């Protein structure tokens, strides 16, 4: 349990540093595909770097292990105290896992809404893309994969400009 919290912190710190550099240098650029690739690469690096560090440390410790002949340590009161689990790491882990669950549930709800909008709308094939027209004027135009979703009134007023954008 302590290893998971350590891993989460060691992944979050490089991610924070990389994100600050991204916001400083690339966030205002209009190269959206490149920005997405950079952001996904940052997340992948932040996920992999702590694991690589742990593997390197384990490999180094396995090669440098020296066994000394010594008597077995005698148990003491301090060992009994150290063996008792503390509650704050468990609370931190529960909060962390609850946050992950909340994000996953939110993403699932958003994807289901988008899938419902794209399935229920009128579809018009336009080259490589499919324009989805909805009757709901509250839906702001957006694109998702190969779909360009907009309301029927937006399509009539500025459909060419929205699809060109």
Protein backbone atom coordinates (compact mmCIF):
# COMPACT_ATOMS: atom_id res chain seq x y z
CA UNK A 1 0.00 0.00 0.00
CA UNK A 2 2.84 2.38 0.77
CA UNK A 3 4.43 1.42 -2.54
CA UNK A 4 1.35 2.55 -4.46
CA UNK A 5 1.34 5.93 -2.75
CA UNK A 6 5.07 6.32 -3.38
CA UNK A 7 4.58 5.38 -7.02
CA UNK A 8 1.69 7.84 -7.40
CA UNK A 9 3.76 10.67 -5.95
CA UNK A 10 6.82 9.76 -8.04
CA UNK A 11 4.63 9.77 -11.16
CA UNK A 12 2.82 12.99 -10.24
CA UNK A 13 5.92 15.12 -9.67
CA UNK A 14 7.49 14.63 -13.14
CA UNK A 15 4.03 14.97 -14.68
CA UNK A 16 3.57 18.29 -12.91
CA UNK A 17 6.99 19.52 -14.08
CA UNK A 18 6.34 18.43 -17.68
CA UNK A 19 2.87 20.00 -17.66
CA UNK A 20 4.23 23.34 -16.44
CA UNK A 21 6.76 23.31 -19.28
CA UNK A 22 3.98 22.36 -21.72
CA UNK A 23 1.73 25.20 -20.55
CA UNK A 24 4.63 27.63 -20.77
CA UNK A 25 5.82 26.62 -24.25
CA UNK A 26 3.11 24.81 -26.22
CA UNK A 27 -0.35 25.49 -24.84
CA UNK A 28 -0.93 28.55 -27.00
CA UNK A 29 0.12 26.81 -30.22
CA UNK A 30 -2.55 25.93 -32.77
CA UNK A 31 -1.07 22.54 -33.63
CA UNK A 32 -3.72 20.47 -31.89
CA UNK A 33 -2.59 17.04 -33.04
CA UNK A 34 1.00 17.76 -31.99
CA UNK A 35 -0.20 19.09 -28.61
CA UNK A 36 -2.23 15.91 -28.05
CA UNK A 37 0.76 13.73 -28.88
CA UNK A 38 2.95 15.74 -26.50
CA UNK A 39 0.38 15.49 -23.68
CA UNK A 40 -0.09 11.75 -24.15
CA UNK A 41 3.69 11.25 -24.30
CA UNK A 42 4.07 13.20 -21.06
CA UNK A 43 1.52 10.96 -19.36
CA UNK A 44 3.22 7.84 -20.68
CA UNK A 45 6.64 9.05 -19.48
CA UNK A 46 5.27 9.95 -16.06
CA UNK A 47 3.72 6.48 -15.84
CA UNK A 48 6.83 4.58 -16.97
CA UNK A 49 9.71 6.55 -15.40
CA UNK A 50 9.02 5.57 -11.75
CA UNK A 51 8.63 1.92 -12.75
CA UNK A 52 11.96 1.99 -14.62
CA UNK A 53 13.61 3.61 -11.60
CA UNK A 54 12.31 0.84 -9.33
CA UNK A 55 13.50 -1.87 -11.74
CA UNK A 56 16.97 -0.34 -11.97
CA UNK A 57 17.21 -0.12 -8.18
CA UNK A 58 16.11 -3.75 -7.79
CA UNK A 59 18.62 -4.90 -10.41
CA UNK A 60 21.41 -2.96 -8.72
CA UNK A 61 20.51 -4.29 -5.27
CA UNK A 62 20.33 -7.90 -6.52
CA UNK A 63 23.82 -7.67 -8.04
CA UNK A 64 25.35 -6.00 -5.00
CA UNK A 65 23.88 -8.25 -2.33
CA UNK A 66 26.42 -9.42 0.21
CA UNK A 67 25.30 -11.84 2.85
CA UNK A 68 27.02 -11.54 6.18
CA UNK A 69 26.98 -14.18 8.85
CA UNK A 70 25.26 -12.60 11.81
CA UNK A 71 22.96 -13.82 14.51
CA UNK A 72 19.24 -13.42 13.99
CA UNK A 73 17.89 -10.18 15.42
CA UNK A 74 15.85 -10.47 18.58
CA UNK A 75 12.31 -9.07 18.45
CA UNK A 76 11.73 -5.94 20.46
CA UNK A 77 8.92 -3.59 21.42
CA UNK A 78 9.93 -1.24 18.59
CA UNK A 79 9.40 -4.06 16.06
CA UNK A 80 5.88 -4.66 17.39
CA UNK A 81 5.12 -0.95 17.07
CA UNK A 82 6.54 -0.82 13.52
CA UNK A 83 4.46 -3.85 12.50
CA UNK A 84 1.19 -2.05 13.28
CA UNK A 85 -0.26 -0.42 10.16
CA UNK A 86 -0.85 3.31 10.20
CA UNK A 87 -4.21 4.65 9.11
CA UNK A 88 -3.19 7.73 7.10
CA UNK A 89 -1.70 5.75 4.16
CA UNK A 90 -4.92 3.77 3.94
CA UNK A 91 -6.98 6.95 3.96
CA UNK A 92 -4.74 8.46 1.27
CA UNK A 93 -5.08 5.31 -0.81
CA UNK A 94 -8.86 5.29 -0.45
CA UNK A 95 -9.05 8.97 -1.45
CA UNK A 96 -6.74 8.31 -4.42
CA UNK A 97 -8.77 5.31 -5.60
CA UNK A 98 -12.02 7.23 -5.11
CA UNK A 99 -10.63 10.00 -7.31
CA UNK A 100 -9.71 7.48 -10.00
CA UNK A 101 -13.20 5.95 -9.80
CA UNK A 102 -14.84 9.40 -10.06
CA UNK A 103 -12.79 10.31 -13.14
CA UNK A 104 -13.53 6.97 -14.83
CA UNK A 105 -17.27 7.29 -14.11
CA UNK A 106 -17.31 10.89 -15.40
CA UNK A 107 -15.49 9.88 -18.60
CA UNK A 108 -17.89 6.98 -19.14
CA UNK A 109 -20.90 9.29 -18.75
CA UNK A 110 -19.44 11.83 -21.18
CA UNK A 111 -18.63 9.13 -23.76
CA UNK A 112 -22.12 7.66 -23.44
CA UNK A 113 -23.67 11.11 -23.99
CA UNK A 114 -21.51 11.70 -27.05
CA UNK A 115 -22.36 8.24 -28.40
CA UNK A 116 -26.07 8.92 -27.83
CA UNK A 117 -25.87 12.28 -29.63
CA UNK A 118 -23.99 10.80 -32.60
CA UNK A 119 -26.35 7.81 -32.82
CA UNK A 120 -29.57 9.85 -32.65
CA UNK A 121 -28.64 12.64 -35.06
CA UNK A 122 -29.07 12.87 -38.82
CA UNK A 123 -25.85 11.88 -40.56
CA UNK A 124 -24.44 13.55 -43.69
CA UNK A 125 -21.29 12.13 -45.31
CA UNK A 126 -18.81 14.91 -46.15
CA UNK A 127 -15.56 13.50 -47.54
CA UNK A 128 -13.58 11.90 -44.72
CA UNK A 129 -15.99 13.15 -42.06
CA UNK A 130 -19.57 12.51 -41.05
CA UNK A 131 -21.63 15.54 -40.07
CA UNK A 132 -24.19 14.74 -37.37
CA UNK A 133 -27.11 17.17 -37.11
CA UNK A 134 -29.18 17.30 -33.93
CA UNK A 135 -32.45 19.04 -33.19
CA UNK A 136 -31.16 20.27 -29.83
CA UNK A 137 -29.98 23.90 -30.12
CA UNK A 138 -28.18 23.63 -26.76
CA UNK A 139 -25.50 21.38 -28.28
CA UNK A 140 -22.44 23.43 -29.18
CA UNK A 141 -20.61 22.25 -32.31
CA UNK A 142 -17.79 19.79 -31.60
CA UNK A 143 -15.83 17.07 -33.34
CA UNK A 144 -15.24 13.56 -32.08
CA UNK A 145 -13.15 11.12 -34.08
CA UNK A 146 -14.60 11.35 -37.60
CA UNK A 147 -17.85 13.00 -36.51
CA UNK A 148 -18.60 16.72 -36.61
CA UNK A 149 -21.64 17.32 -34.41
CA UNK A 150 -23.74 20.49 -34.58
CA UNK A 151 -27.34 21.56 -34.27
CA UNK A 152 -29.49 21.93 -37.37
CA UNK A 153 -29.76 25.70 -36.88
CA UNK A 154 -25.94 26.00 -36.64
CA UNK A 155 -25.62 23.97 -39.83
CA UNK A 156 -28.02 26.27 -41.68
CA UNK A 157 -26.35 29.46 -40.41
CA UNK A 158 -22.66 28.59 -40.58
CA UNK A 159 -22.28 24.91 -41.46
CA UNK A 160 -19.53 25.45 -44.04
CA UNK A 161 -17.49 27.60 -41.66
CA UNK A 162 -17.93 25.14 -38.77
CA UNK A 163 -16.87 22.13 -40.85
CA UNK A 164 -13.89 24.07 -42.27
CA UNK A 165 -12.75 24.94 -38.75
